[in-house]
């Protein structure tokens, strides 16, 4: 199997993948690989993190990473990051990572899963294939400081 647990030893590669993936469409965020590595490391070092990497010919091509949190109705999982190196995109890697992650977290007893993604473009359609839908009871709010 090409899917393995994420490890802190691969943090620099995760940073490269994250920066490359999120610097392109639909996000167009100007990530530096070293900053992305810090972002991923902070999630990976969280006590309730869970992640998987996809390896092709010994090279990490993508990963999925998130954290879980306990609520009164049970433990839920938040997918923080799902990204594939642009050189490896359109090969079904994101689908395989998503399938394995959802299977694993269900087996771990999670009662739900959520994520934040771009409101436009291909990403909502991708996640809708897995049963994700826009929340009706909650919204994302933010503010600059």
N, C-alpha and C. Protein backbone atom coordinates (compact mmCIF):
# COMPACT_ATOMS: atom_id res chain seq x y z
N UNK A 1 0.84 -1.19 0.00
CA UNK A 1 0.00 0.00 0.00
C UNK A 1 0.88 1.25 0.00
N UNK A 2 0.47 2.26 -0.73
CA UNK A 2 1.21 3.51 -0.85
C UNK A 2 0.88 4.50 0.25
N UNK A 3 -0.08 4.19 1.11
CA UNK A 3 -0.51 5.12 2.15
C UNK A 3 0.07 4.69 3.48
N UNK A 4 0.73 5.64 4.15
CA UNK A 4 1.39 5.39 5.43
C UNK A 4 1.05 6.53 6.39
N UNK A 5 1.23 6.32 7.68
CA UNK A 5 1.01 7.41 8.64
C UNK A 5 2.01 8.55 8.41
N UNK A 6 1.57 9.77 8.61
CA UNK A 6 2.47 10.92 8.57
C UNK A 6 3.46 10.83 9.72
N UNK A 7 4.68 11.29 9.48
CA UNK A 7 5.69 11.32 10.53
C UNK A 7 6.39 12.67 10.54
N UNK A 8 6.85 13.06 11.70
CA UNK A 8 7.54 14.34 11.85
C UNK A 8 8.84 14.38 11.03
N UNK A 9 9.41 13.21 10.75
CA UNK A 9 10.65 13.15 9.98
C UNK A 9 10.47 13.67 8.55
N UNK A 10 9.23 13.69 8.07
CA UNK A 10 8.98 14.12 6.69
C UNK A 10 8.44 15.56 6.62
N UNK A 11 8.59 16.30 7.68
CA UNK A 11 7.99 17.63 7.77
C UNK A 11 8.45 18.57 6.65
N UNK A 12 9.71 18.51 6.27
CA UNK A 12 10.19 19.39 5.19
C UNK A 12 9.51 19.07 3.86
N UNK A 13 9.31 17.78 3.59
CA UNK A 13 8.62 17.39 2.35
C UNK A 13 7.16 17.82 2.39
N UNK A 14 6.50 17.67 3.54
CA UNK A 14 5.12 18.13 3.67
C UNK A 14 5.05 19.64 3.40
N UNK A 15 6.03 20.38 3.92
CA UNK A 15 6.05 21.82 3.67
C UNK A 15 6.19 22.16 2.20
N UNK A 16 7.03 21.42 1.50
CA UNK A 16 7.19 21.63 0.05
C UNK A 16 5.88 21.39 -0.68
N UNK A 17 5.24 20.27 -0.35
CA UNK A 17 3.98 19.91 -1.00
C UNK A 17 2.91 20.96 -0.70
N UNK A 18 2.79 21.33 0.56
CA UNK A 18 1.78 22.30 0.98
C UNK A 18 1.98 23.63 0.24
N UNK A 19 3.22 24.13 0.24
CA UNK A 19 3.51 25.41 -0.43
C UNK A 19 3.19 25.34 -1.92
N UNK A 20 3.58 24.26 -2.56
CA UNK A 20 3.32 24.12 -3.99
C UNK A 20 1.83 24.02 -4.29
N UNK A 21 1.12 23.23 -3.49
CA UNK A 21 -0.31 23.02 -3.74
C UNK A 21 -1.14 24.26 -3.45
N UNK A 22 -0.88 24.92 -2.33
CA UNK A 22 -1.71 26.06 -1.96
C UNK A 22 -1.27 27.38 -2.60
N UNK A 23 -0.13 27.38 -3.27
CA UNK A 23 0.28 28.57 -4.02
C UNK A 23 -0.39 28.62 -5.39
N UNK A 24 -1.01 27.50 -5.78
CA UNK A 24 -1.70 27.44 -7.06
C UNK A 24 -3.20 27.60 -6.89
N UNK A 25 -3.93 27.33 -7.98
CA UNK A 25 -5.40 27.43 -7.97
C UNK A 25 -6.00 26.41 -7.03
N UNK A 26 -7.07 26.68 -6.34
CA UNK A 26 -7.83 27.92 -6.36
C UNK A 26 -7.38 28.93 -5.30
N UNK A 27 -6.40 28.55 -4.49
CA UNK A 27 -6.02 29.40 -3.36
C UNK A 27 -5.13 30.56 -3.76
N UNK A 28 -4.08 30.29 -4.52
CA UNK A 28 -3.11 31.32 -4.93
C UNK A 28 -2.49 32.03 -3.73
N UNK A 29 -2.23 31.28 -2.67
CA UNK A 29 -1.59 31.84 -1.47
C UNK A 29 -0.07 31.75 -1.62
N UNK A 30 0.64 32.83 -1.32
CA UNK A 30 2.10 32.85 -1.52
C UNK A 30 2.88 32.16 -0.40
N UNK A 31 2.69 30.85 -0.24
CA UNK A 31 3.36 30.11 0.82
C UNK A 31 4.84 29.89 0.50
N UNK A 32 5.68 29.98 1.53
CA UNK A 32 7.07 29.55 1.45
C UNK A 32 7.11 28.16 2.07
N UNK A 33 7.93 27.28 1.53
CA UNK A 33 7.99 25.91 2.02
C UNK A 33 8.33 25.84 3.50
N UNK A 34 9.23 26.70 3.96
CA UNK A 34 9.62 26.65 5.37
C UNK A 34 8.48 27.10 6.29
N UNK A 35 7.66 28.05 5.86
CA UNK A 35 6.50 28.46 6.65
C UNK A 35 5.43 27.37 6.64
N UNK A 36 5.25 26.76 5.48
CA UNK A 36 4.27 25.67 5.38
C UNK A 36 4.68 24.50 6.26
N UNK A 37 5.98 24.22 6.35
CA UNK A 37 6.47 23.14 7.21
C UNK A 37 6.13 23.43 8.67
N UNK A 38 6.26 24.68 9.09
CA UNK A 38 5.89 25.06 10.46
C UNK A 38 4.40 24.84 10.68
N UNK A 39 3.58 25.27 9.71
CA UNK A 39 2.13 25.09 9.79
C UNK A 39 1.78 23.61 9.98
N UNK A 40 2.34 22.76 9.14
CA UNK A 40 2.05 21.33 9.20
C UNK A 40 2.60 20.73 10.49
N UNK A 41 3.78 21.13 10.90
CA UNK A 41 4.38 20.62 12.14
C UNK A 41 3.51 20.93 13.34
N UNK A 42 2.95 22.14 13.40
CA UNK A 42 2.09 22.51 14.52
C UNK A 42 0.87 21.61 14.61
N UNK A 43 0.30 21.26 13.48
CA UNK A 43 -0.85 20.35 13.48
C UNK A 43 -0.41 18.95 13.86
N UNK A 44 0.66 18.48 13.23
CA UNK A 44 1.14 17.12 13.46
C UNK A 44 1.53 16.89 14.92
N UNK A 45 2.04 17.91 15.58
CA UNK A 45 2.47 17.77 16.97
C UNK A 45 1.32 17.90 17.97
N UNK A 46 0.14 18.27 17.49
CA UNK A 46 -1.03 18.36 18.35
C UNK A 46 -1.34 16.97 18.90
N UNK A 47 -1.75 16.91 20.13
CA UNK A 47 -2.01 15.63 20.77
C UNK A 47 -3.08 14.79 20.10
N UNK A 48 -4.00 15.41 19.38
CA UNK A 48 -5.09 14.67 18.76
C UNK A 48 -4.99 14.68 17.23
N UNK A 49 -3.78 14.78 16.71
CA UNK A 49 -3.62 14.82 15.25
C UNK A 49 -3.62 13.41 14.66
N UNK A 50 -3.98 13.35 13.39
CA UNK A 50 -3.96 12.12 12.63
C UNK A 50 -3.68 12.49 11.19
N UNK A 51 -2.75 11.80 10.56
CA UNK A 51 -2.44 12.12 9.18
C UNK A 51 -1.91 10.93 8.41
N UNK A 52 -2.06 11.01 7.11
CA UNK A 52 -1.60 9.97 6.20
C UNK A 52 -0.82 10.62 5.06
N UNK A 53 0.20 9.92 4.59
CA UNK A 53 0.95 10.37 3.43
C UNK A 53 0.81 9.34 2.32
N UNK A 54 0.95 9.81 1.09
CA UNK A 54 0.88 8.93 -0.07
C UNK A 54 2.26 8.92 -0.72
N UNK A 55 2.82 7.72 -0.88
CA UNK A 55 4.19 7.58 -1.38
C UNK A 55 4.18 6.89 -2.74
N UNK A 56 4.93 7.47 -3.68
CA UNK A 56 5.11 6.89 -5.01
C UNK A 56 6.62 6.77 -5.25
N UNK A 57 7.07 5.56 -5.51
CA UNK A 57 8.49 5.31 -5.78
C UNK A 57 9.39 5.96 -4.73
N UNK A 58 9.01 5.86 -3.48
CA UNK A 58 9.82 6.38 -2.39
C UNK A 58 9.69 7.87 -2.14
N UNK A 59 8.87 8.56 -2.93
CA UNK A 59 8.70 10.01 -2.77
C UNK A 59 7.29 10.31 -2.29
N UNK A 60 7.18 11.17 -1.27
CA UNK A 60 5.87 11.55 -0.77
C UNK A 60 5.22 12.48 -1.79
N UNK A 61 4.03 12.09 -2.26
CA UNK A 61 3.33 12.84 -3.30
C UNK A 61 2.19 13.68 -2.74
N UNK A 62 1.70 13.36 -1.55
CA UNK A 62 0.60 14.11 -0.96
C UNK A 62 0.34 13.65 0.45
N UNK A 63 -0.52 14.39 1.15
CA UNK A 63 -0.87 14.01 2.52
C UNK A 63 -2.21 14.60 2.91
N UNK A 64 -2.80 14.00 3.94
CA UNK A 64 -4.01 14.50 4.57
C UNK A 64 -3.71 14.55 6.07
N UNK A 65 -4.16 15.63 6.71
CA UNK A 65 -3.82 15.83 8.11
C UNK A 65 -4.94 16.57 8.81
N UNK A 66 -5.24 16.14 10.02
CA UNK A 66 -6.27 16.82 10.79
C UNK A 66 -6.17 16.53 12.27
N UNK A 67 -7.14 17.03 13.00
CA UNK A 67 -7.18 16.86 14.45
C UNK A 67 -8.60 16.50 14.87
N UNK A 68 -8.69 15.88 16.04
CA UNK A 68 -10.01 15.55 16.56
C UNK A 68 -10.26 16.33 17.85
N UNK A 69 -11.55 16.48 18.16
CA UNK A 69 -11.94 17.19 19.36
C UNK A 69 -13.22 16.57 19.90
N UNK A 70 -13.29 16.48 21.21
CA UNK A 70 -14.46 15.90 21.86
C UNK A 70 -15.52 16.97 22.11
N UNK A 71 -16.74 16.66 21.73
CA UNK A 71 -17.90 17.50 22.01
C UNK A 71 -18.89 16.67 22.82
N UNK A 72 -19.97 17.28 23.28
CA UNK A 72 -20.95 16.55 24.10
C UNK A 72 -21.60 15.39 23.34
N UNK A 73 -21.62 15.45 22.04
CA UNK A 73 -22.25 14.41 21.23
C UNK A 73 -21.24 13.39 20.68
N UNK A 74 -19.96 13.56 20.99
CA UNK A 74 -18.94 12.63 20.54
C UNK A 74 -17.73 13.34 19.96
N UNK A 75 -16.75 12.57 19.55
CA UNK A 75 -15.51 13.11 18.99
C UNK A 75 -15.67 13.33 17.49
N UNK A 76 -15.27 14.52 17.03
CA UNK A 76 -15.31 14.83 15.61
C UNK A 76 -13.89 15.07 15.09
N UNK A 77 -13.74 14.95 13.81
CA UNK A 77 -12.44 15.13 13.17
C UNK A 77 -12.51 16.32 12.22
N UNK A 78 -11.51 17.18 12.26
CA UNK A 78 -11.43 18.29 11.31
C UNK A 78 -10.26 18.02 10.37
N UNK A 79 -10.56 17.96 9.09
CA UNK A 79 -9.51 17.84 8.10
C UNK A 79 -8.91 19.24 7.93
N UNK A 80 -7.68 19.40 8.39
CA UNK A 80 -7.02 20.69 8.26
C UNK A 80 -6.39 20.86 6.88
N UNK A 81 -5.77 19.80 6.38
CA UNK A 81 -5.05 19.90 5.11
C UNK A 81 -5.17 18.62 4.31
N UNK A 82 -5.44 18.76 3.05
CA UNK A 82 -5.37 17.68 2.07
C UNK A 82 -4.70 18.28 0.86
N UNK A 83 -3.50 17.85 0.57
CA UNK A 83 -2.81 18.44 -0.58
C UNK A 83 -1.93 17.41 -1.27
N UNK A 84 -1.82 17.61 -2.57
CA UNK A 84 -1.03 16.74 -3.43
C UNK A 84 -0.06 17.62 -4.22
N UNK A 85 1.17 17.20 -4.27
CA UNK A 85 2.18 17.90 -5.07
C UNK A 85 1.63 18.08 -6.48
N UNK A 86 1.67 19.29 -7.04
CA UNK A 86 1.14 19.51 -8.39
C UNK A 86 1.70 18.54 -9.43
N UNK A 87 2.93 18.07 -9.24
CA UNK A 87 3.52 17.12 -10.19
C UNK A 87 2.83 15.76 -10.15
N UNK A 88 2.05 15.50 -9.10
CA UNK A 88 1.38 14.21 -8.94
C UNK A 88 -0.14 14.33 -8.96
N UNK A 89 -0.66 15.50 -9.26
CA UNK A 89 -2.11 15.68 -9.24
C UNK A 89 -2.78 14.99 -10.42
N UNK A 90 -4.09 14.79 -10.28
CA UNK A 90 -4.93 14.15 -11.30
C UNK A 90 -4.61 12.67 -11.50
N UNK A 91 -4.19 12.03 -10.41
CA UNK A 91 -3.91 10.59 -10.43
C UNK A 91 -4.76 9.84 -9.40
N UNK A 92 -5.69 10.55 -8.76
CA UNK A 92 -6.54 9.91 -7.76
C UNK A 92 -5.93 9.82 -6.38
N UNK A 93 -4.85 10.51 -6.14
CA UNK A 93 -4.17 10.45 -4.85
C UNK A 93 -5.03 11.07 -3.76
N UNK A 94 -5.61 12.24 -4.01
CA UNK A 94 -6.47 12.88 -3.00
C UNK A 94 -7.65 11.97 -2.66
N UNK A 95 -8.22 11.33 -3.66
CA UNK A 95 -9.34 10.41 -3.43
C UNK A 95 -8.91 9.25 -2.54
N UNK A 96 -7.77 8.67 -2.82
CA UNK A 96 -7.30 7.54 -2.01
C UNK A 96 -7.00 7.96 -0.58
N UNK A 97 -6.39 9.14 -0.41
CA UNK A 97 -6.13 9.64 0.93
C UNK A 97 -7.43 9.90 1.68
N UNK A 98 -8.40 10.50 1.00
CA UNK A 98 -9.69 10.80 1.63
C UNK A 98 -10.41 9.50 2.01
N UNK A 99 -10.45 8.55 1.10
CA UNK A 99 -11.11 7.27 1.38
C UNK A 99 -10.50 6.59 2.61
N UNK A 100 -9.19 6.51 2.67
CA UNK A 100 -8.51 5.85 3.78
C UNK A 100 -8.71 6.62 5.09
N UNK A 101 -8.60 7.93 5.03
CA UNK A 101 -8.79 8.75 6.22
C UNK A 101 -10.20 8.58 6.77
N UNK A 102 -11.22 8.69 5.93
CA UNK A 102 -12.60 8.55 6.39
C UNK A 102 -12.85 7.17 6.97
N UNK A 103 -12.31 6.15 6.36
CA UNK A 103 -12.45 4.79 6.87
C UNK A 103 -11.79 4.67 8.25
N UNK A 104 -10.59 5.21 8.37
CA UNK A 104 -9.85 5.11 9.63
C UNK A 104 -10.54 5.87 10.77
N UNK A 105 -10.99 7.09 10.49
CA UNK A 105 -11.59 7.86 11.59
C UNK A 105 -12.94 7.29 12.01
N UNK A 106 -13.65 6.70 11.07
CA UNK A 106 -14.90 6.02 11.43
C UNK A 106 -14.58 4.84 12.35
N UNK A 107 -13.55 4.09 11.99
CA UNK A 107 -13.12 2.95 12.80
C UNK A 107 -12.66 3.40 14.19
N UNK A 108 -12.10 4.61 14.28
CA UNK A 108 -11.64 5.15 15.56
C UNK A 108 -12.81 5.67 16.41
N UNK A 109 -14.02 5.66 15.86
CA UNK A 109 -15.18 6.05 16.63
C UNK A 109 -15.61 7.50 16.48
N UNK A 110 -15.07 8.20 15.50
CA UNK A 110 -15.47 9.59 15.27
C UNK A 110 -16.95 9.62 14.87
N UNK A 111 -17.67 10.64 15.33
CA UNK A 111 -19.09 10.75 14.99
C UNK A 111 -19.33 11.71 13.83
N UNK A 112 -18.31 12.46 13.44
CA UNK A 112 -18.47 13.40 12.34
C UNK A 112 -17.12 13.91 11.87
N UNK A 113 -17.14 14.55 10.72
CA UNK A 113 -15.93 15.14 10.16
C UNK A 113 -16.32 16.43 9.46
N UNK A 114 -15.45 17.44 9.57
CA UNK A 114 -15.71 18.70 8.88
C UNK A 114 -14.41 19.28 8.36
N UNK A 115 -14.54 20.29 7.53
CA UNK A 115 -13.39 20.95 6.93
C UNK A 115 -13.79 22.33 6.44
N UNK A 116 -12.78 23.14 6.15
CA UNK A 116 -12.99 24.45 5.53
C UNK A 116 -12.32 24.39 4.17
N UNK A 117 -13.02 24.85 3.14
CA UNK A 117 -12.44 24.84 1.80
C UNK A 117 -12.89 26.08 1.04
N UNK A 118 -12.35 26.26 -0.14
CA UNK A 118 -12.75 27.38 -0.99
C UNK A 118 -14.22 27.26 -1.34
N UNK A 119 -14.91 28.38 -1.37
CA UNK A 119 -16.35 28.37 -1.65
C UNK A 119 -16.65 28.16 -3.13
N UNK A 120 -15.70 28.46 -3.98
CA UNK A 120 -15.89 28.37 -5.43
C UNK A 120 -14.89 27.37 -6.02
N UNK A 121 -15.08 27.04 -7.27
CA UNK A 121 -14.13 26.19 -7.97
C UNK A 121 -14.44 24.71 -7.80
N UNK A 122 -13.43 23.88 -8.01
CA UNK A 122 -13.62 22.43 -8.04
C UNK A 122 -13.64 21.78 -6.66
N UNK A 123 -13.14 22.45 -5.64
CA UNK A 123 -13.03 21.81 -4.33
C UNK A 123 -14.37 21.48 -3.69
N UNK A 124 -15.36 22.39 -3.68
CA UNK A 124 -16.65 21.98 -3.10
C UNK A 124 -17.22 20.74 -3.78
N UNK A 125 -17.10 20.67 -5.09
CA UNK A 125 -17.59 19.51 -5.84
C UNK A 125 -16.85 18.23 -5.42
N UNK A 126 -15.54 18.34 -5.24
CA UNK A 126 -14.75 17.18 -4.79
C UNK A 126 -15.27 16.68 -3.45
N UNK A 127 -15.44 17.58 -2.49
CA UNK A 127 -15.87 17.17 -1.15
C UNK A 127 -17.33 16.72 -1.12
N UNK A 128 -18.17 17.28 -1.98
CA UNK A 128 -19.57 16.84 -2.03
C UNK A 128 -19.68 15.37 -2.42
N UNK A 129 -18.71 14.87 -3.19
CA UNK A 129 -18.71 13.44 -3.56
C UNK A 129 -18.56 12.54 -2.34
N UNK A 130 -18.05 13.10 -1.26
CA UNK A 130 -17.86 12.34 -0.02
C UNK A 130 -18.95 12.63 1.00
N UNK A 131 -20.00 13.31 0.58
CA UNK A 131 -21.12 13.58 1.46
C UNK A 131 -21.02 14.86 2.26
N UNK A 132 -19.96 15.65 2.04
CA UNK A 132 -19.86 16.94 2.71
C UNK A 132 -20.86 17.91 2.10
N UNK A 133 -21.43 18.77 2.91
CA UNK A 133 -22.34 19.80 2.40
C UNK A 133 -22.17 21.05 3.25
N UNK A 134 -22.64 22.16 2.71
CA UNK A 134 -22.54 23.42 3.44
C UNK A 134 -23.38 23.33 4.71
N UNK A 135 -22.78 23.77 5.79
CA UNK A 135 -23.47 23.75 7.07
C UNK A 135 -24.60 24.78 7.07
N UNK A 136 -25.70 24.43 7.72
CA UNK A 136 -26.83 25.36 7.82
C UNK A 136 -26.89 25.99 9.20
N UNK A 137 -26.32 25.30 10.21
CA UNK A 137 -26.44 25.79 11.58
C UNK A 137 -25.24 26.59 12.04
N UNK A 138 -24.12 26.50 11.36
CA UNK A 138 -22.93 27.24 11.76
C UNK A 138 -22.32 27.94 10.55
N UNK A 139 -21.58 29.00 10.80
CA UNK A 139 -20.88 29.70 9.74
C UNK A 139 -19.45 29.97 10.21
N UNK A 140 -18.57 30.18 9.29
CA UNK A 140 -17.21 30.58 9.60
C UNK A 140 -17.20 32.09 9.71
N UNK A 141 -16.67 32.58 10.79
CA UNK A 141 -16.55 34.03 10.99
C UNK A 141 -15.08 34.34 11.25
N UNK A 142 -14.65 35.51 10.90
CA UNK A 142 -13.28 35.90 11.14
C UNK A 142 -13.16 37.40 11.24
N UNK A 143 -11.99 37.82 11.68
CA UNK A 143 -11.74 39.26 11.80
C UNK A 143 -10.25 39.49 11.79
N UNK A 144 -9.83 40.56 11.20
CA UNK A 144 -8.42 40.92 11.20
C UNK A 144 -8.07 41.65 12.48
N UNK A 145 -6.85 41.48 12.93
CA UNK A 145 -6.40 42.18 14.14
C UNK A 145 -5.38 43.25 13.79
